[in-house]
Protein backbone atom coordinates (compact mmCIF):
# COMPACT_ATOMS: atom_id res chain seq x y z
CA MET A 1 162.48 -77.81 42.39
CA PRO A 2 163.69 -74.37 43.39
CA GLU A 3 163.25 -73.22 46.95
CA PRO A 4 160.79 -70.41 47.63
CA VAL A 5 162.33 -66.97 48.17
CA ARG A 6 162.05 -65.88 51.77
CA SER A 7 162.38 -62.37 53.13
CA ARG A 8 165.13 -61.61 55.58
CA GLU A 9 162.66 -60.21 58.15
CA PRO A 10 161.26 -62.55 60.75
CA ALA A 11 157.76 -63.79 60.14
CA ASP A 12 156.42 -61.91 63.12
CA ALA A 13 157.96 -58.52 62.11
CA CYS A 14 154.55 -56.98 61.63
CA ALA A 15 153.42 -58.27 64.97
CA SER A 16 156.43 -56.79 66.76
CA ALA A 17 155.83 -53.25 65.44
CA ALA A 18 154.55 -50.90 68.10
CA PRO A 19 150.79 -50.42 67.95
CA ALA A 20 149.45 -46.98 67.15
CA GLY A 21 149.09 -44.95 70.26
CA ARG A 22 151.25 -43.52 72.99
CA ARG A 23 153.52 -46.52 73.56
CA GLY A 24 155.61 -46.09 70.45
CA ALA A 25 155.41 -42.27 70.16
CA ARG A 26 158.38 -40.11 71.14
CA ARG A 27 157.76 -37.62 73.85
CA ARG A 28 159.17 -34.13 73.69
CA PRO A 29 161.20 -33.02 76.64
CA ARG A 30 159.15 -30.91 79.00
CA GLY A 31 161.53 -27.94 78.62
CA ASP A 32 160.32 -27.31 75.02
CA GLN A 33 156.76 -26.39 75.91
CA GLY A 34 155.88 -22.95 74.54
CA SER A 35 159.03 -22.59 72.45
CA GLN A 36 157.05 -22.02 69.25
CA ILE A 37 155.16 -19.08 70.70
CA LEU A 38 158.41 -17.55 71.90
CA GLU A 39 159.95 -17.92 68.46
CA PHE A 40 156.84 -16.38 66.93
CA ALA A 41 156.94 -13.51 69.41
CA ALA A 42 160.60 -12.90 68.58
CA TYR A 43 160.20 -12.94 64.79
CA PHE A 44 156.81 -11.26 64.46
CA PRO A 45 158.06 -7.69 65.06
CA LEU A 46 160.83 -8.27 62.53
CA PHE A 47 158.27 -9.50 59.99
CA ILE A 48 156.07 -6.43 60.64
CA LEU A 49 159.08 -4.12 60.19
CA VAL A 50 160.08 -5.71 56.88
CA ALA A 51 156.48 -5.66 55.62
CA THR A 52 156.10 -1.98 56.60
CA LEU A 53 159.35 -1.03 54.87
CA ALA A 54 158.25 -2.89 51.75
CA LEU A 55 154.91 -1.06 51.72
CA GLU A 56 156.56 2.31 52.35
CA THR A 57 158.93 1.70 49.44
CA PHE A 58 156.05 0.60 47.23
CA PHE A 59 154.05 3.75 48.01
CA ALA A 60 157.11 5.94 47.38
CA PHE A 61 157.54 4.42 43.92
CA ILE A 62 153.82 4.82 43.21
CA ALA A 63 153.99 8.48 44.28
CA ALA A 64 157.03 9.10 42.07
CA GLU A 65 155.30 7.47 39.10
CA ARG A 66 152.10 9.48 39.61
CA MET A 67 154.12 12.71 39.94
CA GLU A 68 156.04 11.91 36.75
CA HIS A 69 152.78 11.34 34.90
CA ALA A 70 151.27 14.62 36.18
CA ALA A 71 154.44 16.57 35.31
CA ARG A 72 154.45 15.20 31.75
CA ALA A 73 150.77 16.02 31.28
CA ALA A 74 151.34 19.56 32.60
CA ALA A 75 154.41 20.14 30.41
CA ARG A 76 152.42 19.01 27.36
CA ALA A 77 149.53 21.30 28.34
CA ALA A 78 151.92 24.23 28.84
CA GLY A 79 152.78 24.14 25.14
CA THR A 80 149.15 24.43 24.09
CA GLU A 81 147.30 26.20 26.93
CA GLY A 82 150.02 28.23 28.61
CA VAL A 83 151.38 28.20 32.15
CA ALA A 84 148.02 28.64 33.96
CA GLY A 85 146.45 25.71 32.11
CA ALA A 86 149.48 23.53 32.81
CA GLU A 87 149.26 23.94 36.57
CA SER A 88 145.57 23.01 36.65
CA THR A 89 146.33 20.00 34.41
CA ALA A 90 149.04 18.83 36.83
CA ARG A 91 146.75 19.17 39.85
CA ALA A 92 143.98 17.28 38.05
CA ALA A 93 146.38 14.45 37.14
CA LEU A 94 147.63 13.97 40.73
CA PRO A 95 145.77 11.50 42.96
CA SER A 96 143.95 12.89 46.00
CA TRP A 97 146.57 11.62 48.45
CA LEU A 98 149.15 13.85 46.69
CA SER A 99 146.93 16.94 46.57
CA GLY A 100 149.33 18.91 48.80
CA ALA A 101 152.04 18.91 46.13
CA ASP A 102 153.82 22.07 45.02
CA VAL A 103 153.56 22.56 41.25
CA ALA A 104 155.90 24.92 39.41
CA VAL A 105 155.51 25.57 35.69
CA GLY A 106 157.57 27.93 33.55
CA GLY A 107 159.70 28.42 30.50
CA ASN A 108 162.98 26.52 30.34
CA GLY A 109 164.88 29.26 28.49
CA GLN A 110 165.18 27.24 25.29
CA GLY A 111 161.71 27.86 23.92
CA GLY A 112 160.08 24.99 25.82
CA TYR A 113 158.38 24.54 29.17
CA TYR A 114 159.19 22.73 32.39
CA THR A 115 157.00 21.37 35.14
CA GLU A 116 158.34 20.49 38.56
CA ILE A 117 156.23 18.74 41.18
CA THR A 118 157.44 18.42 44.78
CA VAL A 119 155.63 16.65 47.59
CA ASP A 120 156.50 15.51 51.11
CA PHE A 121 157.48 11.86 51.24
CA PRO A 122 154.16 10.02 51.75
CA LEU A 123 154.51 7.86 54.85
CA MET A 124 151.95 5.41 56.16
CA PHE A 125 153.35 5.92 59.65
CA PRO A 126 154.73 9.47 59.95
CA THR A 127 157.98 9.61 61.88
CA PRO A 128 159.26 12.82 63.50
CA GLY A 129 162.53 13.97 61.99
CA PHE A 130 162.01 12.02 58.77
CA ASP A 131 161.25 14.84 56.35
CA LEU A 132 162.10 13.90 52.80
CA ASP A 133 160.74 15.44 49.63
CA LEU A 134 159.99 13.67 46.39
CA SER A 135 160.48 15.82 43.32
CA ARG A 136 159.97 15.26 39.60
CA ARG A 137 160.89 17.69 36.83
CA VAL A 138 159.92 17.29 33.19
CA GLU A 139 161.04 19.56 30.35
CA MET A 140 159.21 19.65 27.03
CA PRO A 141 160.52 21.37 23.94
CA LEU A 142 158.07 23.22 21.72
């Protein structure tokens, strides 16, 4: 008759395991207390800076896209309504947060019209000495 298969662990292996509780748990050295809050305090400003730059870039792209749309609408309107109608069309197509934009509409010298929209770089947190302009120009042939 074959012998029964026995495990290599002693029979009382389960009994020798440390009971749940503080006896078997590892203790952290006392010098590590508060290290997580210090790491958080060190990285949090960096996270805020990166998030702010991402939002600023996002809003700049949104502003450029909205300006492009308004310039195209104005250039199209210039062909049918004339220069005065094109400027009002451009201002109506711009969102309210870009209402301070400069709109220039005129003939392009080749029988068509152009529309150029320029606005100060829209910043969530204005910074002195950081004066950039966004500009979009669209030309439409007749």
